[in-house]
């Protein structure tokens, strides 16, 4: 846990001119820890019912990758998702963790986002290679905002509620593991582990 917090401070301290933003660093590190702990608990839950630890680990990686693809808004915009897939993302921890990290990194930051260091992006956003005026325009394409007219009553970026949901998913998975360890396993699962 100390390693996660220590290393999460690197992107938060370096870009700041006035000094480090300690609250952003704590939020960033906490979200990384919550996601790591959730995936760890998910893997532990799979190891209870799968005999091979390698198979349980591979299944956990597959579930995690699929969940990241569906709900993180990094590869596909949540605004353009079909409704059923958008609502399916509400039961995935990565939707909330990604929203916190995106909001923290891009909202009202990064003015005149250039394609690279040689292309300058003026405010009118008309130059080749300039897709977004700033980080907020990037978020408007990825998440529902009341301002973009595409929200249909949806609001995806609420920092503290998304932060809380990330930890609620970890807590839920932790409680599920406690229940799985306390409840006796069915005989068909026990028979898998007998040699």
N, C-alpha and C. Protein backbone atom coordinates (compact mmCIF):
# COMPACT_ATOMS: atom_id res chain seq x y z
N UNK A 1 0.82 -1.19 0.00
CA UNK A 1 0.00 0.00 0.00
C UNK A 1 0.87 1.26 0.00
N UNK A 2 1.95 1.21 0.73
CA UNK A 2 2.86 2.36 0.77
C UNK A 2 3.47 2.58 -0.61
N UNK A 3 3.81 1.50 -1.30
CA UNK A 3 4.38 1.61 -2.64
C UNK A 3 3.40 2.26 -3.60
N UNK A 4 2.13 1.90 -3.51
CA UNK A 4 1.13 2.50 -4.40
C UNK A 4 1.04 4.00 -4.15
N UNK A 5 0.97 4.41 -2.90
CA UNK A 5 0.86 5.84 -2.61
C UNK A 5 2.13 6.59 -3.00
N UNK A 6 3.27 5.98 -2.76
CA UNK A 6 4.53 6.65 -3.09
C UNK A 6 4.66 6.85 -4.60
N UNK A 7 4.36 5.82 -5.38
CA UNK A 7 4.49 5.91 -6.83
C UNK A 7 3.37 6.70 -7.47
N UNK A 8 2.21 6.76 -6.85
CA UNK A 8 1.12 7.55 -7.43
C UNK A 8 1.38 9.04 -7.30
N UNK A 9 2.29 9.42 -6.43
CA UNK A 9 2.61 10.83 -6.28
C UNK A 9 3.43 11.39 -7.41
N UNK A 10 4.10 10.55 -8.18
CA UNK A 10 4.95 11.05 -9.26
C UNK A 10 4.19 11.87 -10.30
N UNK A 11 3.06 11.41 -10.85
CA UNK A 11 2.37 12.26 -11.82
C UNK A 11 1.68 13.46 -11.20
N UNK A 12 1.44 13.43 -9.90
CA UNK A 12 0.77 14.56 -9.26
C UNK A 12 1.73 15.66 -8.86
N UNK A 13 2.97 15.32 -8.55
CA UNK A 13 3.93 16.33 -8.10
C UNK A 13 4.60 17.02 -9.28
N UNK A 14 4.96 16.27 -10.30
CA UNK A 14 5.75 16.82 -11.41
C UNK A 14 5.07 17.95 -12.17
N UNK A 15 3.78 17.86 -12.57
CA UNK A 15 3.22 18.92 -13.40
C UNK A 15 2.88 20.21 -12.66
N UNK A 16 2.86 20.18 -11.35
CA UNK A 16 2.44 21.35 -10.60
C UNK A 16 3.57 22.37 -10.50
N UNK A 17 3.26 23.63 -10.80
CA UNK A 17 4.24 24.69 -10.69
C UNK A 17 4.27 25.24 -9.27
N UNK A 18 3.11 25.34 -8.65
CA UNK A 18 2.99 25.92 -7.32
C UNK A 18 3.33 24.94 -6.21
N UNK A 19 3.63 23.74 -6.55
CA UNK A 19 3.89 22.72 -5.55
C UNK A 19 2.93 21.56 -5.74
N UNK A 20 3.11 20.52 -5.01
CA UNK A 20 2.27 19.34 -5.20
C UNK A 20 0.84 19.57 -4.71
N UNK A 21 -0.10 18.93 -5.37
CA UNK A 21 -1.49 18.96 -4.97
C UNK A 21 -1.73 17.70 -4.13
N UNK A 22 -1.63 17.85 -2.82
CA UNK A 22 -1.65 16.69 -1.94
C UNK A 22 -2.99 15.97 -1.95
N UNK A 23 -4.09 16.71 -2.04
CA UNK A 23 -5.40 16.05 -2.06
C UNK A 23 -5.56 15.22 -3.32
N UNK A 24 -5.11 15.75 -4.45
CA UNK A 24 -5.18 14.98 -5.70
C UNK A 24 -4.32 13.72 -5.60
N UNK A 25 -3.18 13.84 -4.95
CA UNK A 25 -2.29 12.70 -4.77
C UNK A 25 -2.96 11.62 -3.92
N UNK A 26 -3.62 12.02 -2.85
CA UNK A 26 -4.29 11.06 -1.97
C UNK A 26 -5.45 10.38 -2.72
N UNK A 27 -6.22 11.15 -3.48
CA UNK A 27 -7.33 10.57 -4.24
C UNK A 27 -6.81 9.60 -5.28
N UNK A 28 -5.79 10.01 -6.01
CA UNK A 28 -5.20 9.16 -7.06
C UNK A 28 -4.68 7.85 -6.47
N UNK A 29 -3.91 7.94 -5.41
CA UNK A 29 -3.38 6.73 -4.78
C UNK A 29 -4.47 5.85 -4.18
N UNK A 30 -5.49 6.47 -3.61
CA UNK A 30 -6.58 5.70 -3.01
C UNK A 30 -7.37 4.94 -4.07
N UNK A 31 -7.61 5.56 -5.20
CA UNK A 31 -8.33 4.88 -6.28
C UNK A 31 -7.50 3.72 -6.83
N UNK A 32 -6.22 3.94 -7.02
CA UNK A 32 -5.36 2.84 -7.49
C UNK A 32 -5.37 1.69 -6.49
N UNK A 33 -5.32 2.02 -5.20
CA UNK A 33 -5.35 0.97 -4.19
C UNK A 33 -6.69 0.25 -4.19
N UNK A 34 -7.80 0.97 -4.31
CA UNK A 34 -9.12 0.34 -4.30
C UNK A 34 -9.28 -0.63 -5.47
N UNK A 35 -8.81 -0.24 -6.64
CA UNK A 35 -8.91 -1.12 -7.80
C UNK A 35 -8.00 -2.34 -7.63
N UNK A 36 -6.79 -2.11 -7.15
CA UNK A 36 -5.87 -3.23 -6.92
C UNK A 36 -6.46 -4.20 -5.90
N UNK A 37 -7.01 -3.68 -4.81
CA UNK A 37 -7.58 -4.53 -3.77
C UNK A 37 -8.81 -5.28 -4.28
N UNK A 38 -9.62 -4.63 -5.12
CA UNK A 38 -10.79 -5.29 -5.70
C UNK A 38 -10.36 -6.47 -6.57
N UNK A 39 -9.38 -6.25 -7.43
CA UNK A 39 -8.92 -7.33 -8.32
C UNK A 39 -8.27 -8.45 -7.51
N UNK A 40 -7.58 -8.09 -6.45
CA UNK A 40 -7.00 -9.11 -5.57
C UNK A 40 -8.11 -9.95 -4.93
N UNK A 41 -9.15 -9.32 -4.44
CA UNK A 41 -10.27 -10.05 -3.83
C UNK A 41 -11.00 -10.89 -4.87
N UNK A 42 -11.12 -10.37 -6.09
CA UNK A 42 -11.74 -11.13 -7.17
C UNK A 42 -10.94 -12.40 -7.45
N UNK A 43 -9.63 -12.28 -7.48
CA UNK A 43 -8.77 -13.44 -7.72
C UNK A 43 -8.87 -14.44 -6.58
N UNK A 44 -8.93 -13.96 -5.36
CA UNK A 44 -9.08 -14.85 -4.20
C UNK A 44 -10.41 -15.60 -4.28
N UNK A 45 -11.47 -14.90 -4.67
CA UNK A 45 -12.78 -15.55 -4.80
C UNK A 45 -12.75 -16.64 -5.87
N UNK A 46 -12.06 -16.38 -6.96
CA UNK A 46 -11.96 -17.39 -8.01
C UNK A 46 -11.11 -18.58 -7.56
N UNK A 47 -10.10 -18.32 -6.75
CA UNK A 47 -9.24 -19.41 -6.28
C UNK A 47 -9.96 -20.34 -5.31
N UNK A 48 -11.05 -19.87 -4.72
CA UNK A 48 -11.82 -20.74 -3.82
C UNK A 48 -12.50 -21.85 -4.61
N UNK A 49 -12.98 -21.53 -5.81
CA UNK A 49 -13.77 -22.49 -6.57
C UNK A 49 -13.03 -23.12 -7.74
N UNK A 50 -11.85 -22.62 -8.09
CA UNK A 50 -11.08 -23.18 -9.20
C UNK A 50 -9.84 -23.86 -8.62
N UNK A 51 -9.60 -25.10 -9.01
CA UNK A 51 -8.51 -25.86 -8.41
C UNK A 51 -7.14 -25.31 -8.80
N UNK A 52 -6.94 -25.00 -10.05
CA UNK A 52 -5.64 -24.52 -10.52
C UNK A 52 -5.50 -23.02 -10.27
N UNK A 53 -4.44 -22.65 -9.58
CA UNK A 53 -4.23 -21.22 -9.32
C UNK A 53 -3.94 -20.46 -10.61
N UNK A 54 -3.30 -21.13 -11.57
CA UNK A 54 -3.04 -20.48 -12.85
C UNK A 54 -4.33 -20.21 -13.62
N UNK A 55 -5.25 -21.16 -13.57
CA UNK A 55 -6.54 -20.96 -14.23
C UNK A 55 -7.33 -19.85 -13.56
N UNK A 56 -7.28 -19.80 -12.24
CA UNK A 56 -7.97 -18.73 -11.51
C UNK A 56 -7.36 -17.38 -11.84
N UNK A 57 -6.04 -17.31 -11.90
CA UNK A 57 -5.37 -16.06 -12.26
C UNK A 57 -5.70 -15.63 -13.68
N UNK A 58 -5.71 -16.59 -14.61
CA UNK A 58 -6.04 -16.27 -16.00
C UNK A 58 -7.49 -15.81 -16.13
N UNK A 59 -8.38 -16.44 -15.40
CA UNK A 59 -9.78 -16.01 -15.43
C UNK A 59 -9.93 -14.61 -14.84
N UNK A 60 -9.20 -14.32 -13.78
CA UNK A 60 -9.26 -12.98 -13.18
C UNK A 60 -8.74 -11.93 -14.15
N UNK A 61 -7.65 -12.23 -14.85
CA UNK A 61 -7.13 -11.30 -15.85
C UNK A 61 -8.13 -11.10 -16.97
N UNK A 62 -8.79 -12.18 -17.41
CA UNK A 62 -9.78 -12.06 -18.48
C UNK A 62 -10.98 -11.22 -18.04
N UNK A 63 -11.49 -11.46 -16.83
CA UNK A 63 -12.60 -10.66 -16.31
C UNK A 63 -12.21 -9.19 -16.19
N UNK A 64 -11.03 -8.95 -15.67
CA UNK A 64 -10.57 -7.57 -15.48
C UNK A 64 -10.43 -6.86 -16.82
N UNK A 65 -9.86 -7.53 -17.81
CA UNK A 65 -9.69 -6.93 -19.13
C UNK A 65 -11.04 -6.64 -19.77
N UNK A 66 -11.96 -7.57 -19.69
CA UNK A 66 -13.29 -7.36 -20.25
C UNK A 66 -13.99 -6.19 -19.56
N UNK A 67 -13.90 -6.12 -18.26
CA UNK A 67 -14.51 -5.01 -17.52
C UNK A 67 -13.89 -3.68 -17.87
N UNK A 68 -12.58 -3.65 -18.04
CA UNK A 68 -11.91 -2.40 -18.45
C UNK A 68 -12.38 -1.95 -19.83
N UNK A 69 -12.55 -2.89 -20.73
CA UNK A 69 -13.00 -2.55 -22.08
C UNK A 69 -14.42 -2.00 -22.08
N UNK A 70 -15.28 -2.57 -21.26
CA UNK A 70 -16.69 -2.15 -21.25
C UNK A 70 -16.89 -0.83 -20.54
N UNK A 71 -16.23 -0.62 -19.40
CA UNK A 71 -16.67 0.45 -18.52
C UNK A 71 -15.69 1.58 -18.29
N UNK A 72 -14.47 1.52 -18.78
CA UNK A 72 -13.49 2.53 -18.35
C UNK A 72 -13.56 3.84 -19.11
N UNK A 73 -14.18 3.90 -20.26
CA UNK A 73 -14.27 5.10 -21.10
C UNK A 73 -12.92 5.53 -21.62
N UNK A 74 -11.93 4.68 -21.53
CA UNK A 74 -10.63 5.00 -22.10
C UNK A 74 -10.55 4.55 -23.54
N UNK A 75 -11.13 3.41 -23.85
CA UNK A 75 -11.11 2.92 -25.22
C UNK A 75 -12.36 3.29 -25.99
N UNK A 76 -13.48 3.39 -25.31
CA UNK A 76 -14.73 3.73 -25.98
C UNK A 76 -15.49 4.73 -25.12
N UNK A 77 -16.06 5.72 -25.77
CA UNK A 77 -16.79 6.77 -25.07
C UNK A 77 -18.06 6.22 -24.44
N UNK A 78 -18.35 6.62 -23.22
CA UNK A 78 -19.61 6.22 -22.59
C UNK A 78 -20.80 6.92 -23.22
N UNK A 79 -20.56 8.06 -23.86
CA UNK A 79 -21.64 8.82 -24.48
C UNK A 79 -22.23 8.05 -25.65
N UNK A 80 -21.42 7.34 -26.40
CA UNK A 80 -21.87 6.63 -27.61
C UNK A 80 -22.17 5.16 -27.39
N UNK A 81 -22.07 4.69 -26.17
CA UNK A 81 -22.38 3.29 -25.90
C UNK A 81 -23.87 3.02 -26.07
N UNK A 82 -24.25 1.83 -26.51
CA UNK A 82 -25.66 1.46 -26.47
C UNK A 82 -26.17 1.50 -25.03
N UNK A 83 -27.44 1.77 -24.87
CA UNK A 83 -27.99 1.92 -23.52
C UNK A 83 -27.75 0.70 -22.64
N UNK A 84 -27.94 -0.49 -23.18
CA UNK A 84 -27.78 -1.69 -22.35
C UNK A 84 -26.34 -1.84 -21.88
N UNK A 85 -25.38 -1.47 -22.72
CA UNK A 85 -23.98 -1.57 -22.33
C UNK A 85 -23.60 -0.45 -21.35
N UNK A 86 -24.21 0.72 -21.54
CA UNK A 86 -23.96 1.83 -20.61
C UNK A 86 -24.44 1.46 -19.21
N UNK A 87 -25.63 0.89 -19.11
CA UNK A 87 -26.16 0.52 -17.80
C UNK A 87 -25.46 -0.70 -17.22
N UNK A 88 -24.96 -1.58 -18.05
CA UNK A 88 -24.16 -2.70 -17.56
C UNK A 88 -22.88 -2.20 -16.89
N UNK A 89 -22.34 -1.10 -17.39
CA UNK A 89 -21.14 -0.52 -16.81
C UNK A 89 -21.33 -0.02 -15.39
N UNK A 90 -22.57 0.18 -14.96
CA UNK A 90 -22.82 0.64 -13.59
C UNK A 90 -22.53 -0.42 -12.54
N UNK A 91 -22.39 -1.67 -12.93
CA UNK A 91 -22.09 -2.72 -11.97
C UNK A 91 -20.62 -3.14 -12.05
N UNK A 92 -19.79 -2.30 -12.65
CA UNK A 92 -18.37 -2.59 -12.81
C UNK A 92 -17.57 -1.50 -12.11
N UNK A 93 -16.64 -1.90 -11.27
CA UNK A 93 -15.85 -0.96 -10.47
C UNK A 93 -15.03 -0.01 -11.34
N UNK A 94 -14.58 -0.46 -12.49
CA UNK A 94 -13.69 0.35 -13.32
C UNK A 94 -14.39 1.57 -13.90
N UNK A 95 -15.71 1.55 -14.00
CA UNK A 95 -16.45 2.72 -14.47
C UNK A 95 -16.25 3.88 -13.50
N UNK A 96 -16.35 3.59 -12.22
CA UNK A 96 -16.25 4.64 -11.21
C UNK A 96 -14.80 5.07 -10.99
N UNK A 97 -13.89 4.11 -10.95
CA UNK A 97 -12.48 4.46 -10.76
C UNK A 97 -11.95 5.26 -11.95
N UNK A 98 -12.33 4.87 -13.14
CA UNK A 98 -11.89 5.59 -14.33
C UNK A 98 -12.46 7.00 -14.37
N UNK A 99 -13.70 7.15 -13.94
CA UNK A 99 -14.30 8.49 -13.91
C UNK A 99 -13.55 9.41 -12.96
N UNK A 100 -13.15 8.88 -11.80
CA UNK A 100 -12.38 9.70 -10.85
C UNK A 100 -11.04 10.08 -11.46
N UNK A 101 -10.33 9.13 -12.04
CA UNK A 101 -9.01 9.41 -12.60
C UNK A 101 -9.09 10.35 -13.79
N UNK A 102 -10.10 10.17 -14.67
CA UNK A 102 -10.26 11.07 -15.81
C UNK A 102 -10.61 12.49 -15.35
N UNK A 103 -11.53 12.58 -14.40
CA UNK A 103 -11.92 13.91 -13.91
C UNK A 103 -10.74 14.62 -13.27
N UNK A 104 -9.97 13.89 -12.52
CA UNK A 104 -8.83 14.49 -11.84
C UNK A 104 -7.75 14.93 -12.82
N UNK A 105 -7.55 14.17 -13.88
CA UNK A 105 -6.47 14.47 -14.82
C UNK A 105 -6.85 15.52 -15.86
N UNK A 106 -8.13 15.58 -16.26
CA UNK A 106 -8.48 16.39 -17.42
C UNK A 106 -9.42 17.56 -17.16
N UNK A 107 -10.26 17.51 -16.15
CA UNK A 107 -11.27 18.56 -15.97
C UNK A 107 -10.61 19.90 -15.65
N UNK A 108 -10.86 20.88 -16.49
CA UNK A 108 -10.31 22.24 -16.37
C UNK A 108 -8.79 22.25 -16.33
N UNK A 109 -8.17 21.34 -17.03
CA UNK A 109 -6.71 21.28 -17.10
C UNK A 109 -6.28 21.14 -18.55
N UNK A 110 -5.00 21.17 -18.76
CA UNK A 110 -4.38 20.95 -20.06
C UNK A 110 -4.93 21.88 -21.13
N UNK A 111 -4.70 23.18 -21.03
CA UNK A 111 -5.20 24.09 -22.07
C UNK A 111 -4.49 23.86 -23.39
N UNK A 112 -5.23 24.02 -24.48
CA UNK A 112 -4.72 23.89 -25.85
C UNK A 112 -3.96 22.57 -26.03
N UNK A 113 -4.68 21.49 -25.88
CA UNK A 113 -4.08 20.16 -25.98
C UNK A 113 -3.47 19.94 -27.36
N UNK A 114 -2.16 19.85 -27.48
CA UNK A 114 -1.55 19.62 -28.78
C UNK A 114 -1.41 18.13 -29.09
N UNK A 115 -1.23 17.84 -30.38
CA UNK A 115 -0.98 16.47 -30.79
C UNK A 115 0.43 16.06 -30.38
N UNK A 116 1.39 16.99 -30.52
CA UNK A 116 2.76 16.74 -30.08
C UNK A 116 3.40 18.09 -29.75
N UNK A 117 4.67 18.09 -29.42
CA UNK A 117 5.31 19.33 -28.97
C UNK A 117 5.57 20.32 -30.10
N UNK A 118 5.54 19.88 -31.36
CA UNK A 118 5.81 20.80 -32.47
C UNK A 118 4.56 21.49 -33.00
N UNK A 119 3.37 20.99 -32.67
CA UNK A 119 2.12 21.58 -33.15
C UNK A 119 1.53 22.45 -32.04
N UNK A 120 1.32 23.71 -32.32
CA UNK A 120 0.68 24.60 -31.36
C UNK A 120 -0.80 24.67 -31.66
N UNK A 121 -1.62 24.62 -30.64
CA UNK A 121 -3.07 24.63 -30.82
C UNK A 121 -3.63 25.95 -30.33
N UNK A 122 -4.09 26.80 -31.24
CA UNK A 122 -4.71 28.05 -30.82
C UNK A 122 -6.09 27.78 -30.22
N UNK A 123 -6.68 28.82 -29.68
CA UNK A 123 -7.96 28.68 -28.99
C UNK A 123 -9.10 28.29 -29.92
N UNK A 124 -8.99 28.61 -31.22
CA UNK A 124 -10.11 28.30 -32.11
C UNK A 124 -10.17 26.83 -32.50
N UNK A 125 -9.14 26.04 -32.16
CA UNK A 125 -9.15 24.60 -32.35
C UNK A 125 -9.25 24.20 -33.82
N UNK A 126 -8.68 24.98 -34.72
CA UNK A 126 -8.82 24.71 -36.15
C UNK A 126 -7.56 24.13 -36.78
N UNK A 127 -6.46 24.09 -36.09
CA UNK A 127 -5.21 23.60 -36.67
C UNK A 127 -5.24 22.09 -36.83
N UNK A 128 -4.45 21.60 -37.78
CA UNK A 128 -4.32 20.16 -37.97
C UNK A 128 -3.65 19.55 -36.75
N UNK A 129 -4.20 18.47 -36.27
CA UNK A 129 -3.63 17.81 -35.10
C UNK A 129 -4.18 18.30 -33.78
N UNK A 130 -5.04 19.30 -33.81
CA UNK A 130 -5.62 19.84 -32.58
C UNK A 130 -7.06 19.36 -32.48
N UNK A 131 -7.31 18.42 -31.61
CA UNK A 131 -8.66 17.88 -31.52
C UNK A 131 -9.46 18.50 -30.37
N UNK A 132 -8.80 18.83 -29.28
CA UNK A 132 -9.49 19.34 -28.11
C UNK A 132 -8.90 20.68 -27.70
N UNK A 133 -9.75 21.58 -27.25
CA UNK A 133 -9.25 22.85 -26.72
C UNK A 133 -8.55 22.67 -25.39
N UNK A 134 -9.11 21.82 -24.57
CA UNK A 134 -8.52 21.54 -23.27
C UNK A 134 -9.03 20.19 -22.78
N UNK A 135 -8.67 19.84 -21.58
CA UNK A 135 -9.05 18.55 -21.05
C UNK A 135 -10.55 18.38 -20.88
N UNK A 136 -11.26 19.46 -20.63
CA UNK A 136 -12.72 19.37 -20.46
C UNK A 136 -13.39 18.96 -21.76
N UNK A 137 -12.89 19.43 -22.90
CA UNK A 137 -13.46 19.03 -24.18
C UNK A 137 -13.24 17.53 -24.43
N UNK A 138 -12.12 17.03 -23.97
CA UNK A 138 -11.88 15.59 -24.05
C UNK A 138 -12.91 14.83 -23.22
N UNK A 139 -13.18 15.32 -22.02
CA UNK A 139 -14.16 14.66 -21.14
C UNK A 139 -15.57 14.75 -21.70
N UNK A 140 -15.89 15.85 -22.39
CA UNK A 140 -17.21 15.99 -23.00
C UNK A 140 -17.46 14.89 -24.04
N UNK A 141 -16.41 14.44 -24.68
CA UNK A 141 -16.56 13.37 -25.66
C UNK A 141 -16.65 12.00 -25.01
N UNK A 142 -16.12 11.86 -23.82
CA UNK A 142 -16.05 10.56 -23.15
C UNK A 142 -17.17 10.30 -22.16
N UNK A 143 -17.65 11.34 -21.47
CA UNK A 143 -18.60 11.18 -20.38
C UNK A 143 -19.81 12.07 -20.59
N UNK A 144 -20.91 11.73 -19.91
CA UNK A 144 -22.12 12.55 -19.95
C UNK A 144 -21.97 13.75 -19.03
N UNK A 145 -22.20 14.92 -19.58
CA UNK A 145 -22.23 16.18 -18.85
C UNK A 145 -23.59 16.81 -19.11
N UNK A 146 -24.12 17.57 -18.18
CA UNK A 146 -25.35 18.31 -18.50
C UNK A 146 -25.13 19.34 -19.61
N UNK A 147 -23.89 19.82 -19.78
CA UNK A 147 -23.62 20.87 -20.75
C UNK A 147 -23.55 20.38 -22.19
N UNK A 148 -23.30 19.09 -22.42
CA UNK A 148 -23.08 18.66 -23.80
C UNK A 148 -24.36 18.33 -24.55
N UNK A 149 -25.51 18.35 -23.89
CA UNK A 149 -26.78 18.13 -24.55
C UNK A 149 -27.05 16.68 -24.90
N UNK A 150 -26.16 15.78 -24.56
CA UNK A 150 -26.33 14.37 -24.89
C UNK A 150 -26.59 13.51 -23.65
N UNK A 151 -26.82 14.15 -22.52
CA UNK A 151 -26.83 13.41 -21.26
C UNK A 151 -28.09 12.62 -20.99
N UNK A 152 -29.24 13.04 -21.49
CA UNK A 152 -30.50 12.36 -21.22
C UNK A 152 -30.70 12.14 -19.72
N UNK A 153 -30.35 13.14 -18.93
CA UNK A 153 -30.48 13.05 -17.48
C UNK A 153 -29.35 12.29 -16.81
N UNK A 154 -28.28 12.01 -17.52
CA UNK A 154 -27.16 11.26 -16.96
C UNK A 154 -26.05 12.20 -16.53
N UNK A 155 -25.40 11.86 -15.46
CA UNK A 155 -24.24 12.62 -14.98
C UNK A 155 -23.19 11.60 -14.56
N UNK A 156 -22.10 11.50 -15.32
CA UNK A 156 -21.09 10.48 -15.05
C UNK A 156 -19.97 10.95 -14.15
N UNK A 157 -19.66 12.23 -14.16
CA UNK A 157 -18.49 12.71 -13.43
C UNK A 157 -18.92 13.42 -12.15
N UNK A 158 -18.95 12.69 -11.07
CA UNK A 158 -19.16 13.23 -9.73
C UNK A 158 -18.05 12.64 -8.88
N UNK A 159 -17.05 13.43 -8.59
CA UNK A 159 -15.80 12.94 -8.00
C UNK A 159 -16.02 12.11 -6.75
N UNK A 160 -16.73 12.65 -5.78
CA UNK A 160 -16.81 11.98 -4.49
C UNK A 160 -17.74 10.77 -4.50
N UNK A 161 -18.81 10.82 -5.28
CA UNK A 161 -19.67 9.63 -5.34
C UNK A 161 -18.96 8.50 -6.09
N UNK A 162 -18.25 8.82 -7.17
CA UNK A 162 -17.48 7.80 -7.88
C UNK A 162 -16.36 7.25 -7.00
N UNK A 163 -15.74 8.12 -6.21
CA UNK A 163 -14.70 7.70 -5.27
C UNK A 163 -15.29 6.72 -4.25
N UNK A 164 -16.46 7.06 -3.72
CA UNK A 164 -17.11 6.18 -2.74
C UNK A 164 -17.53 4.85 -3.33
N UNK A 165 -18.07 4.88 -4.56
CA UNK A 165 -18.47 3.63 -5.20
C UNK A 165 -17.28 2.71 -5.46
N UNK A 166 -16.12 3.28 -5.76
CA UNK A 166 -14.93 2.45 -5.97
C UNK A 166 -14.59 1.66 -4.71
N UNK A 167 -14.69 2.31 -3.56
CA UNK A 167 -14.42 1.61 -2.31
C UNK A 167 -15.58 0.70 -1.91
N UNK A 168 -16.80 1.04 -2.30
CA UNK A 168 -17.94 0.16 -2.01
C UNK A 168 -17.81 -1.16 -2.76
N UNK A 169 -17.30 -1.12 -3.99
CA UNK A 169 -17.09 -2.37 -4.73
C UNK A 169 -16.03 -3.23 -4.04
N UNK A 170 -14.96 -2.60 -3.58
CA UNK A 170 -13.94 -3.37 -2.84
C UNK A 170 -14.55 -3.97 -1.58
N UNK A 171 -15.32 -3.18 -0.83
CA UNK A 171 -15.96 -3.68 0.38
C UNK A 171 -16.92 -4.82 0.09
N UNK A 172 -17.68 -4.70 -0.99
CA UNK A 172 -18.59 -5.77 -1.37
C UNK A 172 -17.87 -7.06 -1.73
N UNK A 173 -16.77 -6.94 -2.45
CA UNK A 173 -16.00 -8.13 -2.81
C UNK A 173 -15.34 -8.74 -1.58
N UNK A 174 -14.92 -7.90 -0.65
CA UNK A 174 -14.32 -8.39 0.60
C UNK A 174 -15.36 -9.17 1.41
N UNK A 175 -16.57 -8.63 1.53
CA UNK A 175 -17.64 -9.31 2.26
C UNK A 175 -18.01 -10.62 1.56
N UNK A 176 -18.05 -10.61 0.23
CA UNK A 176 -18.33 -11.83 -0.52
C UNK A 176 -17.29 -12.91 -0.22
N UNK A 177 -16.02 -12.51 -0.15
CA UNK A 177 -14.98 -13.48 0.19
C UNK A 177 -15.13 -14.01 1.61
N UNK A 178 -15.51 -13.14 2.54
CA UNK A 178 -15.76 -13.61 3.91
C UNK A 178 -16.87 -14.64 3.94
N UNK A 179 -17.94 -14.37 3.21
CA UNK A 179 -19.05 -15.32 3.15
C UNK A 179 -18.61 -16.62 2.51
N UNK A 180 -17.84 -16.53 1.42
CA UNK A 180 -17.37 -17.75 0.75
C UNK A 180 -16.48 -18.59 1.66
N UNK A 181 -15.69 -17.95 2.50
CA UNK A 181 -14.83 -18.69 3.41
C UNK A 181 -15.59 -19.25 4.60
N UNK A 182 -16.65 -18.58 5.03
CA UNK A 182 -17.41 -19.04 6.20
C UNK A 182 -18.43 -20.12 5.86
N UNK A 183 -19.00 -20.05 4.68
CA UNK A 183 -20.02 -21.01 4.27
C UNK A 183 -19.31 -22.29 3.81
N UNK A 184 -19.78 -23.43 4.26
CA UNK A 184 -19.16 -24.68 3.79
C UNK A 184 -19.33 -24.83 2.28
N UNK A 185 -18.27 -25.31 1.65
CA UNK A 185 -18.31 -25.50 0.20
C UNK A 185 -19.19 -26.69 -0.16
N UNK A 186 -19.89 -26.63 -1.27
CA UNK A 186 -20.66 -27.80 -1.72
C UNK A 186 -19.73 -28.97 -2.04
N UNK A 187 -20.28 -30.16 -2.00
CA UNK A 187 -19.46 -31.37 -2.18
C UNK A 187 -18.85 -31.46 -3.57
N UNK A 188 -19.52 -30.94 -4.60
CA UNK A 188 -18.94 -31.03 -5.95
C UNK A 188 -17.71 -30.13 -6.09
N UNK A 189 -17.62 -29.07 -5.30
CA UNK A 189 -16.41 -28.25 -5.32
C UNK A 189 -15.32 -28.91 -4.48
N UNK A 190 -15.70 -29.48 -3.34
CA UNK A 190 -14.71 -30.18 -2.51
C UNK A 190 -14.07 -31.34 -3.26
N UNK A 191 -14.88 -32.03 -4.08
CA UNK A 191 -14.35 -33.18 -4.81
C UNK A 191 -13.29 -32.77 -5.82
N UNK A 192 -13.32 -31.56 -6.30
CA UNK A 192 -12.29 -31.08 -7.24
C UNK A 192 -10.93 -31.01 -6.58
N UNK A 193 -10.90 -30.72 -5.29
CA UNK A 193 -9.64 -30.51 -4.60
C UNK A 193 -9.07 -31.78 -3.96
N UNK A 194 -9.82 -32.86 -4.02
CA UNK A 194 -9.30 -34.13 -3.50
C UNK A 194 -8.43 -34.78 -4.57
N UNK A 195 -7.37 -35.37 -4.15
CA UNK A 195 -6.47 -36.04 -5.12
C UNK A 195 -6.77 -37.49 -5.27
